[in-house]
N, C-alpha and C. Protein backbone atom coordinates (compact mmCIF):
# COMPACT_ATOMS: atom_id res chain seq x y z
N MET A 1 18.60 -0.83 1.59
CA MET A 1 17.78 0.17 2.26
C MET A 1 18.61 0.79 3.39
N ARG A 2 18.43 2.04 3.53
CA ARG A 2 19.14 2.80 4.56
C ARG A 2 18.44 2.63 5.91
N THR A 3 19.24 2.56 6.96
CA THR A 3 18.73 2.44 8.32
C THR A 3 19.30 3.59 9.16
N GLU A 4 18.45 4.20 9.95
CA GLU A 4 18.86 5.30 10.82
C GLU A 4 18.27 5.09 12.21
N LEU A 5 18.98 5.62 13.19
CA LEU A 5 18.50 5.59 14.57
C LEU A 5 17.41 6.63 14.77
N VAL A 6 16.53 6.39 15.71
CA VAL A 6 15.48 7.37 16.01
C VAL A 6 16.09 8.69 16.47
N THR A 7 17.24 8.64 17.13
CA THR A 7 17.89 9.88 17.55
C THR A 7 18.35 10.69 16.34
N THR A 8 18.76 10.01 15.28
CA THR A 8 19.13 10.71 14.04
C THR A 8 17.91 11.39 13.45
N LEU A 9 16.77 10.71 13.48
CA LEU A 9 15.53 11.30 13.00
C LEU A 9 15.19 12.56 13.80
N LYS A 10 15.36 12.48 15.11
CA LYS A 10 15.06 13.63 15.96
C LYS A 10 15.97 14.82 15.63
N ARG A 11 17.23 14.54 15.39
CA ARG A 11 18.21 15.61 15.19
C ARG A 11 18.27 16.11 13.75
N GLN A 12 17.95 15.24 12.79
CA GLN A 12 18.14 15.60 11.38
C GLN A 12 16.89 15.33 10.55
N ALA A 13 15.73 15.57 11.12
CA ALA A 13 14.47 15.26 10.45
C ALA A 13 14.37 15.92 9.08
N THR A 14 14.71 17.19 8.99
CA THR A 14 14.60 17.91 7.73
C THR A 14 15.48 17.28 6.65
N GLU A 15 16.71 16.92 7.03
CA GLU A 15 17.63 16.29 6.07
C GLU A 15 17.13 14.92 5.63
N LEU A 16 16.64 14.13 6.57
CA LEU A 16 16.14 12.80 6.23
C LEU A 16 14.92 12.89 5.32
N LEU A 17 14.03 13.83 5.61
CA LEU A 17 12.86 14.02 4.75
C LEU A 17 13.28 14.43 3.34
N ALA A 18 14.26 15.29 3.24
CA ALA A 18 14.75 15.70 1.92
C ALA A 18 15.36 14.51 1.18
N ASP A 19 16.11 13.67 1.89
CA ASP A 19 16.71 12.48 1.28
C ASP A 19 15.63 11.52 0.75
N VAL A 20 14.61 11.30 1.56
CA VAL A 20 13.53 10.39 1.17
C VAL A 20 12.80 10.92 -0.05
N GLU A 21 12.52 12.21 -0.06
CA GLU A 21 11.83 12.82 -1.20
C GLU A 21 12.68 12.76 -2.46
N ARG A 22 13.95 13.03 -2.33
CA ARG A 22 14.85 13.04 -3.48
C ARG A 22 15.10 11.63 -4.03
N ASP A 23 15.44 10.70 -3.14
CA ASP A 23 15.86 9.36 -3.55
C ASP A 23 14.71 8.38 -3.77
N LYS A 24 13.54 8.70 -3.24
CA LYS A 24 12.37 7.80 -3.33
C LYS A 24 12.66 6.42 -2.73
N GLN A 25 13.55 6.39 -1.74
CA GLN A 25 13.89 5.15 -1.06
C GLN A 25 13.51 5.27 0.41
N PRO A 26 12.81 4.27 0.96
CA PRO A 26 12.43 4.34 2.37
C PRO A 26 13.65 4.27 3.28
N ILE A 27 13.50 4.82 4.45
CA ILE A 27 14.53 4.73 5.48
C ILE A 27 13.91 4.00 6.66
N LEU A 28 14.58 2.94 7.12
CA LEU A 28 14.12 2.20 8.29
C LEU A 28 14.63 2.92 9.53
N ILE A 29 13.71 3.24 10.43
CA ILE A 29 14.06 3.90 11.68
C ILE A 29 14.08 2.84 12.78
N THR A 30 15.19 2.79 13.52
CA THR A 30 15.30 1.82 14.61
C THR A 30 15.30 2.54 15.96
N GLN A 31 14.77 1.83 16.93
CA GLN A 31 14.74 2.35 18.30
C GLN A 31 15.18 1.22 19.22
N HIS A 32 16.18 1.47 20.02
CA HIS A 32 16.76 0.45 20.91
C HIS A 32 17.22 -0.78 20.10
N GLY A 33 17.72 -0.54 18.90
CA GLY A 33 18.24 -1.61 18.07
C GLY A 33 17.19 -2.41 17.33
N LEU A 34 15.93 -2.04 17.45
CA LEU A 34 14.85 -2.78 16.80
C LEU A 34 14.14 -1.91 15.77
N PRO A 35 13.67 -2.50 14.67
CA PRO A 35 12.91 -1.73 13.69
C PRO A 35 11.69 -1.09 14.34
N SER A 36 11.47 0.18 14.05
CA SER A 36 10.36 0.90 14.68
C SER A 36 9.40 1.48 13.65
N ALA A 37 9.94 2.00 12.54
CA ALA A 37 9.08 2.64 11.54
C ALA A 37 9.85 2.79 10.24
N TYR A 38 9.08 3.03 9.17
CA TYR A 38 9.68 3.36 7.88
C TYR A 38 9.32 4.80 7.56
N LEU A 39 10.28 5.51 7.03
CA LEU A 39 10.06 6.86 6.57
C LEU A 39 10.02 6.79 5.04
N VAL A 40 8.86 7.12 4.46
CA VAL A 40 8.69 7.04 3.01
C VAL A 40 8.11 8.34 2.48
N ASP A 41 8.37 8.60 1.20
CA ASP A 41 7.81 9.80 0.60
C ASP A 41 6.32 9.58 0.32
N VAL A 42 5.59 10.67 0.25
CA VAL A 42 4.14 10.63 0.10
C VAL A 42 3.72 9.92 -1.19
N GLU A 43 4.37 10.24 -2.30
CA GLU A 43 3.98 9.65 -3.58
C GLU A 43 4.12 8.13 -3.56
N SER A 44 5.23 7.62 -3.02
CA SER A 44 5.43 6.18 -2.94
C SER A 44 4.41 5.52 -2.02
N TYR A 45 4.12 6.18 -0.89
CA TYR A 45 3.14 5.64 0.04
C TYR A 45 1.77 5.54 -0.60
N GLU A 46 1.34 6.61 -1.29
CA GLU A 46 0.02 6.60 -1.91
C GLU A 46 -0.07 5.56 -3.02
N LEU A 47 0.98 5.39 -3.79
CA LEU A 47 1.00 4.36 -4.84
C LEU A 47 0.90 2.98 -4.22
N GLN A 48 1.61 2.78 -3.12
CA GLN A 48 1.55 1.49 -2.43
C GLN A 48 0.13 1.21 -1.92
N GLN A 49 -0.54 2.22 -1.39
CA GLN A 49 -1.91 2.05 -0.91
C GLN A 49 -2.86 1.70 -2.05
N GLU A 50 -2.69 2.35 -3.20
CA GLU A 50 -3.52 2.03 -4.37
C GLU A 50 -3.30 0.59 -4.81
N ARG A 51 -2.06 0.16 -4.83
CA ARG A 51 -1.75 -1.23 -5.22
C ARG A 51 -2.36 -2.22 -4.24
N MET A 52 -2.31 -1.90 -2.95
CA MET A 52 -2.90 -2.78 -1.94
C MET A 52 -4.40 -2.90 -2.14
N THR A 53 -5.05 -1.82 -2.49
CA THR A 53 -6.49 -1.84 -2.73
C THR A 53 -6.82 -2.79 -3.89
N VAL A 54 -6.04 -2.71 -4.95
CA VAL A 54 -6.25 -3.60 -6.11
C VAL A 54 -6.02 -5.05 -5.71
N LEU A 55 -4.93 -5.31 -4.99
CA LEU A 55 -4.63 -6.68 -4.57
C LEU A 55 -5.69 -7.24 -3.63
N GLU A 56 -6.23 -6.41 -2.76
CA GLU A 56 -7.30 -6.86 -1.86
C GLU A 56 -8.56 -7.22 -2.66
N GLY A 57 -8.85 -6.47 -3.69
CA GLY A 57 -9.99 -6.79 -4.56
C GLY A 57 -9.79 -8.11 -5.28
N ILE A 58 -8.58 -8.34 -5.77
CA ILE A 58 -8.27 -9.61 -6.43
C ILE A 58 -8.42 -10.76 -5.44
N ALA A 59 -7.93 -10.58 -4.24
CA ALA A 59 -8.03 -11.64 -3.22
C ALA A 59 -9.49 -11.94 -2.89
N ARG A 60 -10.33 -10.90 -2.79
CA ARG A 60 -11.76 -11.14 -2.53
C ARG A 60 -12.39 -11.91 -3.69
N GLY A 61 -11.99 -11.59 -4.92
CA GLY A 61 -12.50 -12.31 -6.08
C GLY A 61 -12.09 -13.76 -6.08
N GLU A 62 -10.85 -14.02 -5.72
CA GLU A 62 -10.37 -15.40 -5.66
C GLU A 62 -11.11 -16.20 -4.60
N ILE A 63 -11.40 -15.58 -3.48
CA ILE A 63 -12.16 -16.25 -2.42
C ILE A 63 -13.58 -16.55 -2.90
N ALA A 64 -14.20 -15.59 -3.58
CA ALA A 64 -15.56 -15.79 -4.10
C ALA A 64 -15.58 -16.96 -5.08
N ILE A 65 -14.57 -17.05 -5.94
CA ILE A 65 -14.50 -18.16 -6.89
C ILE A 65 -14.36 -19.48 -6.15
N ALA A 66 -13.47 -19.52 -5.17
CA ALA A 66 -13.25 -20.75 -4.40
C ALA A 66 -14.51 -21.18 -3.66
N GLU A 67 -15.32 -20.22 -3.24
CA GLU A 67 -16.56 -20.53 -2.51
C GLU A 67 -17.74 -20.74 -3.45
N GLY A 68 -17.51 -20.61 -4.73
CA GLY A 68 -18.57 -20.83 -5.70
C GLY A 68 -19.54 -19.66 -5.82
N ARG A 69 -19.16 -18.50 -5.33
CA ARG A 69 -20.04 -17.33 -5.42
C ARG A 69 -19.74 -16.58 -6.71
N THR A 70 -20.15 -17.17 -7.83
CA THR A 70 -19.91 -16.56 -9.14
C THR A 70 -21.21 -16.51 -9.94
N LEU A 71 -21.20 -15.71 -10.99
CA LEU A 71 -22.34 -15.60 -11.89
C LEU A 71 -21.88 -15.91 -13.31
N SER A 72 -22.79 -16.41 -14.11
CA SER A 72 -22.49 -16.57 -15.53
C SER A 72 -22.49 -15.18 -16.17
N HIS A 73 -22.01 -15.11 -17.39
CA HIS A 73 -21.99 -13.83 -18.12
C HIS A 73 -23.42 -13.30 -18.27
N ALA A 74 -24.33 -14.18 -18.58
CA ALA A 74 -25.73 -13.77 -18.77
C ALA A 74 -26.33 -13.26 -17.46
N GLN A 75 -26.05 -13.96 -16.36
CA GLN A 75 -26.57 -13.54 -15.06
C GLN A 75 -26.01 -12.17 -14.67
N ALA A 76 -24.73 -11.99 -14.90
CA ALA A 76 -24.10 -10.70 -14.57
C ALA A 76 -24.69 -9.59 -15.43
N GLY A 77 -24.91 -9.86 -16.70
CA GLY A 77 -25.51 -8.88 -17.59
C GLY A 77 -26.91 -8.49 -17.15
N LYS A 78 -27.66 -9.47 -16.70
CA LYS A 78 -29.02 -9.20 -16.23
C LYS A 78 -29.00 -8.31 -14.99
N ARG A 79 -28.11 -8.62 -14.05
CA ARG A 79 -28.01 -7.80 -12.84
C ARG A 79 -27.54 -6.38 -13.16
N LEU A 80 -26.54 -6.27 -14.00
CA LEU A 80 -26.02 -4.95 -14.36
C LEU A 80 -27.01 -4.15 -15.18
N GLY A 81 -27.83 -4.87 -15.96
CA GLY A 81 -28.83 -4.19 -16.78
C GLY A 81 -29.78 -3.34 -15.95
N LYS A 82 -30.06 -3.78 -14.74
CA LYS A 82 -30.93 -3.01 -13.84
C LYS A 82 -30.30 -1.65 -13.51
N TRP A 83 -29.01 -1.62 -13.41
CA TRP A 83 -28.31 -0.38 -13.05
C TRP A 83 -28.04 0.50 -14.25
N LEU A 84 -27.98 -0.09 -15.42
CA LEU A 84 -27.60 0.67 -16.61
C LEU A 84 -28.77 1.28 -17.35
N LYS A 85 -29.98 1.03 -16.90
CA LYS A 85 -31.17 1.56 -17.58
C LYS A 85 -31.39 3.00 -17.25
C-alpha cells in the first residue's frame, strides 16, 4: 500500500485522487509521522460498506443462536405467513 504525507495530499490532491481512481488501491495519509486517514475510491468504499452490512447481519445471527433466540422452520413459517397473506 502506498503512503503519502498530508502535505503531499494538500499539494497534489488532484493527482492522488486520479491515482486512487485508476489503481483502485487505497493511499495511507500520514500526519506528523502517524497514520491519519485512508484515501479510497468511491466504488471500493461503497463495496466495503455493503460487505460490512452483511457481516454485521451474520454476527447478529450468530449471537441470536448462541443466546437461544431461534425459531423452528414451522414457527418461522407461521410468523412469515402473517406477512405474506
